[in-house]
N, C-alpha and C. Protein backbone atom coordinates (compact mmCIF):
# COMPACT_ATOMS: atom_id res chain seq x y z
N UNK A 1 92.61 69.89 110.10
CA UNK A 1 91.82 70.61 109.13
C UNK A 1 92.70 71.64 108.45
N UNK A 2 92.58 71.68 107.14
CA UNK A 2 93.27 72.72 106.38
C UNK A 2 92.43 73.04 105.17
N UNK A 3 92.55 74.28 104.72
CA UNK A 3 91.85 74.65 103.50
C UNK A 3 92.52 75.86 102.88
N UNK A 4 92.21 76.06 101.63
CA UNK A 4 92.62 77.27 100.93
C UNK A 4 91.40 77.79 100.20
N UNK A 5 91.39 79.08 99.99
CA UNK A 5 90.29 79.70 99.27
C UNK A 5 90.84 80.82 98.41
N UNK A 6 90.48 80.81 97.14
CA UNK A 6 90.88 81.91 96.25
C UNK A 6 90.05 83.11 96.68
N UNK A 7 90.70 84.16 97.12
CA UNK A 7 89.97 85.28 97.73
C UNK A 7 89.74 86.45 96.80
N UNK A 8 90.71 86.76 95.98
CA UNK A 8 90.55 87.95 95.17
C UNK A 8 91.62 88.02 94.11
N UNK A 9 91.34 88.84 93.15
CA UNK A 9 92.33 89.22 92.16
C UNK A 9 92.65 90.67 92.45
N UNK A 10 93.85 90.93 92.92
CA UNK A 10 94.24 92.29 93.28
C UNK A 10 94.36 93.17 92.05
N UNK A 11 94.97 92.64 91.02
CA UNK A 11 95.06 93.32 89.72
C UNK A 11 94.95 92.22 88.67
N UNK A 12 95.09 92.57 87.43
CA UNK A 12 95.03 91.54 86.39
C UNK A 12 96.26 90.65 86.42
N UNK A 13 97.26 91.01 87.23
CA UNK A 13 98.50 90.23 87.22
C UNK A 13 98.80 89.53 88.55
N UNK A 14 97.83 89.44 89.46
CA UNK A 14 98.05 88.66 90.67
C UNK A 14 96.73 88.12 91.23
N UNK A 15 96.86 87.14 92.11
CA UNK A 15 95.69 86.50 92.70
C UNK A 15 96.01 86.12 94.15
N UNK A 16 95.03 86.29 95.02
CA UNK A 16 95.22 86.00 96.44
C UNK A 16 94.61 84.67 96.84
N UNK A 17 95.23 84.03 97.84
CA UNK A 17 94.74 82.78 98.40
C UNK A 17 94.77 82.91 99.91
N UNK A 18 93.64 82.63 100.54
CA UNK A 18 93.54 82.65 102.01
C UNK A 18 93.74 81.23 102.52
N UNK A 19 94.69 81.06 103.45
CA UNK A 19 95.01 79.75 104.01
C UNK A 19 94.54 79.68 105.46
N UNK A 20 93.97 78.56 105.86
CA UNK A 20 93.54 78.32 107.24
C UNK A 20 93.89 76.89 107.59
N UNK A 21 94.50 76.67 108.77
CA UNK A 21 94.89 75.31 109.17
C UNK A 21 95.03 75.23 110.68
N UNK A 22 95.05 73.98 111.16
CA UNK A 22 95.20 73.72 112.59
C UNK A 22 96.65 73.72 113.05
N UNK A 23 97.60 73.66 112.11
CA UNK A 23 99.02 73.67 112.47
C UNK A 23 99.80 74.40 111.38
N UNK A 24 101.04 74.76 111.71
CA UNK A 24 101.88 75.41 110.70
C UNK A 24 102.14 74.48 109.52
N UNK A 25 102.39 73.21 109.80
CA UNK A 25 102.64 72.26 108.72
C UNK A 25 101.44 72.17 107.78
N UNK A 26 100.25 72.10 108.35
CA UNK A 26 99.04 72.03 107.53
C UNK A 26 98.83 73.33 106.75
N UNK A 27 99.24 74.46 107.33
CA UNK A 27 99.14 75.74 106.63
C UNK A 27 100.03 75.75 105.38
N UNK A 28 101.24 75.22 105.52
CA UNK A 28 102.15 75.14 104.37
C UNK A 28 101.61 74.20 103.31
N UNK A 29 100.99 73.10 103.72
CA UNK A 29 100.39 72.16 102.77
C UNK A 29 99.20 72.82 102.07
N UNK A 30 98.39 73.55 102.83
CA UNK A 30 97.27 74.29 102.21
C UNK A 30 97.79 75.28 101.18
N UNK A 31 98.92 75.92 101.48
CA UNK A 31 99.52 76.84 100.52
C UNK A 31 99.92 76.13 99.23
N UNK A 32 100.49 74.92 99.36
CA UNK A 32 100.87 74.14 98.18
C UNK A 32 99.63 73.74 97.38
N UNK A 33 98.58 73.31 98.07
CA UNK A 33 97.36 72.91 97.39
C UNK A 33 96.72 74.11 96.67
N UNK A 34 96.73 75.27 97.33
CA UNK A 34 96.20 76.47 96.69
C UNK A 34 97.02 76.88 95.49
N UNK A 35 98.33 76.78 95.60
CA UNK A 35 99.23 77.10 94.49
C UNK A 35 98.91 76.24 93.27
N UNK A 36 98.80 74.93 93.47
CA UNK A 36 98.55 74.05 92.33
C UNK A 36 97.12 74.17 91.81
N UNK A 37 96.18 74.58 92.67
CA UNK A 37 94.83 74.85 92.18
C UNK A 37 94.84 76.06 91.25
N UNK A 38 95.57 77.09 91.62
CA UNK A 38 95.68 78.29 90.78
C UNK A 38 96.32 77.93 89.44
N UNK A 39 97.34 77.08 89.47
CA UNK A 39 98.04 76.71 88.24
C UNK A 39 97.19 75.83 87.34
N UNK A 40 96.64 74.75 87.88
CA UNK A 40 96.02 73.76 87.00
C UNK A 40 94.64 73.29 87.43
N UNK A 41 94.00 73.98 88.36
CA UNK A 41 92.67 73.56 88.78
C UNK A 41 92.74 72.32 89.64
N UNK A 42 91.61 71.68 89.86
CA UNK A 42 91.59 70.49 90.71
C UNK A 42 92.20 69.32 89.97
N UNK A 43 92.79 68.43 90.74
CA UNK A 43 93.44 67.25 90.16
C UNK A 43 93.18 66.06 91.05
N UNK A 44 92.78 64.97 90.45
CA UNK A 44 92.57 63.74 91.21
C UNK A 44 93.61 62.68 90.86
N UNK A 45 94.55 63.02 90.00
CA UNK A 45 95.58 62.06 89.60
C UNK A 45 96.55 61.83 90.75
N UNK A 46 96.91 60.58 90.96
CA UNK A 46 97.86 60.23 92.01
C UNK A 46 99.28 60.54 91.57
N UNK A 47 100.13 60.77 92.55
CA UNK A 47 101.54 61.02 92.26
C UNK A 47 102.25 59.76 91.81
N UNK A 48 103.21 59.92 90.94
CA UNK A 48 103.97 58.78 90.42
C UNK A 48 105.44 58.86 90.82
N UNK A 49 105.85 59.98 91.36
CA UNK A 49 107.23 60.18 91.81
C UNK A 49 107.20 60.81 93.19
N UNK A 50 108.34 60.75 93.88
CA UNK A 50 108.44 61.34 95.20
C UNK A 50 109.63 62.29 95.23
N UNK A 51 109.39 63.50 95.74
CA UNK A 51 110.45 64.49 95.92
C UNK A 51 110.73 64.67 97.40
N UNK A 52 111.95 64.98 97.71
CA UNK A 52 112.33 65.34 99.08
C UNK A 52 112.88 66.76 99.01
N UNK A 53 112.31 67.64 99.82
CA UNK A 53 112.73 69.04 99.83
C UNK A 53 113.12 69.42 101.26
N UNK A 54 114.25 70.08 101.41
CA UNK A 54 114.70 70.61 102.70
C UNK A 54 115.04 72.08 102.49
N UNK A 55 114.44 72.93 103.33
CA UNK A 55 114.67 74.38 103.25
C UNK A 55 114.95 74.92 104.65
N UNK A 56 115.66 76.04 104.70
CA UNK A 56 115.93 76.72 105.97
C UNK A 56 115.66 78.20 105.81
N UNK A 57 115.17 78.80 106.90
CA UNK A 57 114.92 80.24 106.88
C UNK A 57 114.92 80.77 108.31
N UNK A 58 114.93 82.10 108.42
CA UNK A 58 114.95 82.72 109.74
C UNK A 58 113.58 82.95 110.33
N UNK A 59 112.52 82.96 109.50
CA UNK A 59 111.16 83.16 110.03
C UNK A 59 110.14 82.39 109.21
N UNK A 60 108.95 82.23 109.77
CA UNK A 60 107.91 81.41 109.13
C UNK A 60 107.42 81.99 107.81
N UNK A 61 107.30 83.30 107.73
CA UNK A 61 106.83 83.90 106.47
C UNK A 61 107.82 83.66 105.34
N UNK A 62 109.11 83.86 105.62
CA UNK A 62 110.12 83.63 104.58
C UNK A 62 110.19 82.14 104.21
N UNK A 63 110.02 81.27 105.20
CA UNK A 63 110.02 79.85 104.92
C UNK A 63 108.83 79.46 104.02
N UNK A 64 107.67 80.07 104.25
CA UNK A 64 106.52 79.82 103.39
C UNK A 64 106.78 80.30 101.96
N UNK A 65 107.36 81.48 101.82
CA UNK A 65 107.73 82.01 100.49
C UNK A 65 108.70 81.04 99.80
N UNK A 66 109.72 80.60 100.54
CA UNK A 66 110.72 79.69 99.97
C UNK A 66 110.08 78.36 99.55
N UNK A 67 109.18 77.84 100.37
CA UNK A 67 108.48 76.58 100.10
C UNK A 67 107.66 76.69 98.81
N UNK A 68 106.83 77.71 98.73
CA UNK A 68 105.99 77.87 97.54
C UNK A 68 106.82 78.17 96.30
N UNK A 69 107.89 78.94 96.47
CA UNK A 69 108.79 79.24 95.34
C UNK A 69 109.48 77.98 94.83
N UNK A 70 109.85 77.10 95.75
CA UNK A 70 110.47 75.83 95.36
C UNK A 70 109.49 74.97 94.56
N UNK A 71 108.22 74.97 94.96
CA UNK A 71 107.21 74.20 94.23
C UNK A 71 106.97 74.79 92.84
N UNK A 72 106.99 76.12 92.73
CA UNK A 72 106.88 76.77 91.41
C UNK A 72 108.06 76.36 90.54
N UNK A 73 109.26 76.34 91.12
CA UNK A 73 110.45 75.93 90.39
C UNK A 73 110.29 74.51 89.83
N UNK A 74 109.85 73.57 90.67
CA UNK A 74 109.68 72.18 90.21
C UNK A 74 108.59 72.07 89.14
N UNK A 75 107.55 72.89 89.24
CA UNK A 75 106.54 72.87 88.19
C UNK A 75 107.11 73.43 86.89
N UNK A 76 107.80 74.57 86.98
CA UNK A 76 108.33 75.22 85.78
C UNK A 76 109.42 74.39 85.09
N UNK A 77 110.25 73.71 85.85
CA UNK A 77 111.37 72.98 85.25
C UNK A 77 111.05 71.54 84.87
N UNK A 78 110.17 70.88 85.65
CA UNK A 78 109.89 69.46 85.43
C UNK A 78 108.41 69.16 85.19
N UNK A 79 107.56 70.16 85.35
CA UNK A 79 106.13 69.93 85.21
C UNK A 79 105.52 69.18 86.37
N UNK A 80 106.17 69.21 87.55
CA UNK A 80 105.69 68.46 88.70
C UNK A 80 104.55 69.18 89.41
N UNK A 81 103.47 68.44 89.67
CA UNK A 81 102.32 68.93 90.42
C UNK A 81 102.21 68.09 91.68
N UNK A 82 102.20 68.73 92.85
CA UNK A 82 102.10 68.01 94.11
C UNK A 82 100.73 67.37 94.28
N UNK A 83 100.72 66.13 94.79
CA UNK A 83 99.45 65.43 95.02
C UNK A 83 99.28 65.00 96.47
N UNK A 84 100.38 64.80 97.20
CA UNK A 84 100.30 64.40 98.60
C UNK A 84 101.56 64.89 99.30
N UNK A 85 101.41 65.29 100.55
CA UNK A 85 102.51 65.95 101.25
C UNK A 85 102.70 65.38 102.65
N UNK A 86 103.93 65.22 103.03
CA UNK A 86 104.31 64.93 104.41
C UNK A 86 105.36 65.98 104.75
N UNK A 87 105.08 66.78 105.76
CA UNK A 87 105.91 67.97 106.00
C UNK A 87 106.17 68.14 107.48
N UNK A 88 107.39 68.54 107.81
CA UNK A 88 107.75 68.80 109.21
C UNK A 88 108.56 70.09 109.28
N UNK A 89 108.20 70.95 110.23
CA UNK A 89 108.94 72.19 110.47
C UNK A 89 109.54 72.11 111.87
N UNK A 90 110.85 72.34 111.96
CA UNK A 90 111.52 72.31 113.26
C UNK A 90 112.33 73.59 113.44
N UNK A 91 112.51 73.96 114.70
CA UNK A 91 113.35 75.10 115.04
C UNK A 91 114.67 74.53 115.54
N UNK A 92 115.73 74.77 114.79
CA UNK A 92 117.04 74.22 115.14
C UNK A 92 117.76 75.06 116.19
N UNK A 93 117.17 76.18 116.57
CA UNK A 93 117.83 77.10 117.49
C UNK A 93 118.49 78.25 116.75
N UNK A 94 118.95 77.99 115.54
CA UNK A 94 119.55 79.04 114.71
C UNK A 94 118.62 79.48 113.59
N UNK A 95 117.77 78.56 113.15
CA UNK A 95 116.84 78.86 112.07
C UNK A 95 115.71 77.83 112.06
N UNK A 96 114.73 78.06 111.21
CA UNK A 96 113.64 77.11 111.00
C UNK A 96 114.01 76.21 109.84
N UNK A 97 113.66 74.94 109.97
CA UNK A 97 113.96 74.00 108.90
C UNK A 97 112.67 73.28 108.49
N UNK A 98 112.43 73.21 107.20
CA UNK A 98 111.30 72.50 106.63
C UNK A 98 111.84 71.27 105.91
N UNK A 99 111.28 70.11 106.24
CA UNK A 99 111.60 68.87 105.54
C UNK A 99 110.30 68.31 105.00
N UNK A 100 110.26 68.05 103.70
CA UNK A 100 109.01 67.59 103.08
C UNK A 100 109.29 66.44 102.13
N UNK A 101 108.37 65.47 102.16
CA UNK A 101 108.30 64.43 101.15
C UNK A 101 107.01 64.69 100.39
N UNK A 102 107.13 64.78 99.07
CA UNK A 102 105.98 65.15 98.24
C UNK A 102 105.79 64.11 97.15
N UNK A 103 104.57 63.59 97.05
CA UNK A 103 104.22 62.79 95.89
C UNK A 103 103.83 63.75 94.78
N UNK A 104 104.40 63.56 93.61
CA UNK A 104 104.13 64.46 92.48
C UNK A 104 103.74 63.64 91.25
N UNK A 105 103.02 64.29 90.37
CA UNK A 105 102.71 63.73 89.06
C UNK A 105 103.22 64.74 88.04
N UNK A 106 103.40 64.28 86.83
CA UNK A 106 103.84 65.19 85.77
C UNK A 106 102.63 65.82 85.10
N UNK A 107 102.68 67.12 84.94
CA UNK A 107 101.64 67.86 84.23
C UNK A 107 101.69 67.44 82.77
N UNK A 108 100.57 67.01 82.24
CA UNK A 108 100.51 66.51 80.87
C UNK A 108 100.07 67.64 79.94
N UNK A 109 101.02 68.23 79.24
CA UNK A 109 100.72 69.39 78.39
C UNK A 109 99.83 69.03 77.21
N UNK A 110 99.78 67.75 76.86
CA UNK A 110 98.92 67.34 75.74
C UNK A 110 97.46 67.23 76.14
N UNK A 111 97.20 66.90 77.40
CA UNK A 111 95.82 66.69 77.86
C UNK A 111 95.33 67.71 78.88
N UNK A 112 96.21 68.58 79.36
CA UNK A 112 95.84 69.55 80.39
C UNK A 112 96.20 70.96 79.94
N UNK A 113 95.46 71.91 80.45
CA UNK A 113 95.74 73.31 80.18
C UNK A 113 95.95 74.02 81.51
N UNK A 114 97.06 74.71 81.63
CA UNK A 114 97.31 75.48 82.86
C UNK A 114 96.37 76.67 82.89
N UNK A 115 95.71 76.86 84.04
CA UNK A 115 94.78 77.97 84.20
C UNK A 115 95.54 79.29 84.32
N UNK A 116 96.65 79.27 85.06
CA UNK A 116 97.46 80.48 85.27
C UNK A 116 98.93 80.07 85.33
N UNK A 117 99.77 80.98 84.91
CA UNK A 117 101.20 80.80 85.10
C UNK A 117 101.61 81.69 86.27
N UNK A 118 102.11 81.08 87.32
CA UNK A 118 102.56 81.85 88.48
C UNK A 118 104.03 82.18 88.30
N UNK A 119 104.33 83.47 88.34
CA UNK A 119 105.71 83.92 88.21
C UNK A 119 106.43 83.87 89.55
N UNK A 120 105.71 84.28 90.61
CA UNK A 120 106.37 84.37 91.91
C UNK A 120 105.34 84.47 93.03
N UNK A 121 105.82 84.20 94.24
CA UNK A 121 105.05 84.43 95.45
C UNK A 121 105.46 85.81 95.95
N UNK A 122 104.50 86.65 96.32
CA UNK A 122 104.83 88.01 96.74
C UNK A 122 104.82 88.13 98.26
N UNK A 123 105.38 89.23 98.74
CA UNK A 123 105.36 89.55 100.16
C UNK A 123 104.16 90.42 100.53
N UNK A 124 103.32 90.76 99.57
CA UNK A 124 102.20 91.66 99.78
C UNK A 124 101.25 91.10 100.84
N UNK A 125 101.08 91.83 101.93
CA UNK A 125 100.19 91.47 103.04
C UNK A 125 100.50 90.11 103.66
N UNK A 126 101.71 89.62 103.49
CA UNK A 126 102.07 88.30 103.99
C UNK A 126 102.31 88.34 105.50
N UNK A 127 101.52 87.60 106.24
CA UNK A 127 101.69 87.47 107.69
C UNK A 127 100.99 86.19 108.13
N UNK A 128 101.73 85.34 108.82
CA UNK A 128 101.14 84.13 109.40
C UNK A 128 100.69 84.50 110.80
N UNK A 129 99.43 84.24 111.09
CA UNK A 129 98.86 84.58 112.40
C UNK A 129 98.22 83.36 113.02
N UNK A 130 98.27 83.30 114.36
CA UNK A 130 97.60 82.23 115.09
C UNK A 130 96.57 82.86 116.02
N UNK A 131 95.36 82.31 115.97
CA UNK A 131 94.28 82.77 116.85
C UNK A 131 93.41 81.58 117.20
N UNK A 132 93.30 81.33 118.49
CA UNK A 132 92.48 80.21 118.99
C UNK A 132 92.82 78.88 118.34
N UNK A 133 94.10 78.60 118.20
CA UNK A 133 94.55 77.32 117.66
C UNK A 133 94.44 77.18 116.15
N UNK A 134 94.09 78.25 115.47
CA UNK A 134 94.01 78.23 114.01
C UNK A 134 95.08 79.16 113.43
N UNK A 135 95.78 78.68 112.44
CA UNK A 135 96.78 79.48 111.74
C UNK A 135 96.16 79.98 110.44
N UNK A 136 96.40 81.25 110.14
CA UNK A 136 95.89 81.84 108.92
C UNK A 136 97.01 82.61 108.21
N UNK A 137 96.85 82.74 106.91
CA UNK A 137 97.80 83.51 106.13
C UNK A 137 97.16 83.86 104.80
N UNK A 138 97.43 85.06 104.33
CA UNK A 138 96.98 85.50 103.01
C UNK A 138 98.21 85.54 102.12
N UNK A 139 98.17 84.77 101.02
CA UNK A 139 99.29 84.69 100.09
C UNK A 139 98.85 85.26 98.75
N UNK A 140 99.71 86.08 98.15
CA UNK A 140 99.40 86.64 96.83
C UNK A 140 100.44 86.13 95.84
N UNK A 141 99.94 85.59 94.73
CA UNK A 141 100.80 85.09 93.65
C UNK A 141 100.80 86.10 92.51
N UNK A 142 102.00 86.37 92.00
CA UNK A 142 102.16 87.23 90.83
C UNK A 142 102.00 86.37 89.59
N UNK A 143 101.03 86.73 88.75
CA UNK A 143 100.74 85.94 87.54
C UNK A 143 101.47 86.50 86.34
C-alpha cells in the first residue's frame, strides 16, 4: 500500500505532499506519483519509454531529495512523466543506493497544461519515519 496526499500550501510558492507506504521503496514511488500529480494532475496514459536511474546517498532523506530532483530534471529537460516504477534501495555498507526502472511518457504541451512548475524539492520538515510498519514523510515542493 502506498499513497500520497496534497496536504497544504505553505505559501504561494510551495506545496506539501504527505507520503505513506508499507516500505521505503513504496514511499519513494509515492513521492514520484505525488510529484507528477502536482505537476500535471492525474494521468492514465501508459509509458512509451523506459529510464534507468541509479543514485547514491548517505541517508534516506537525502536519497529521497535526490530521487525527486532527478525526476524533476527529466521532466524539465525531456518532458518525461513517470507512469510505472520498479525501485530497489540497498545499503552497500558505505552508502545507500537506489536503482529504478521507470516507464515514462512524454508530456504533450499541445494537449496538456501543467498545473504547477516545480523548481525544487525542499528540506523543510523533511523526515522519513517508521511507525508500526508504515513509513511516512512530508515533502515540500518549491513552486
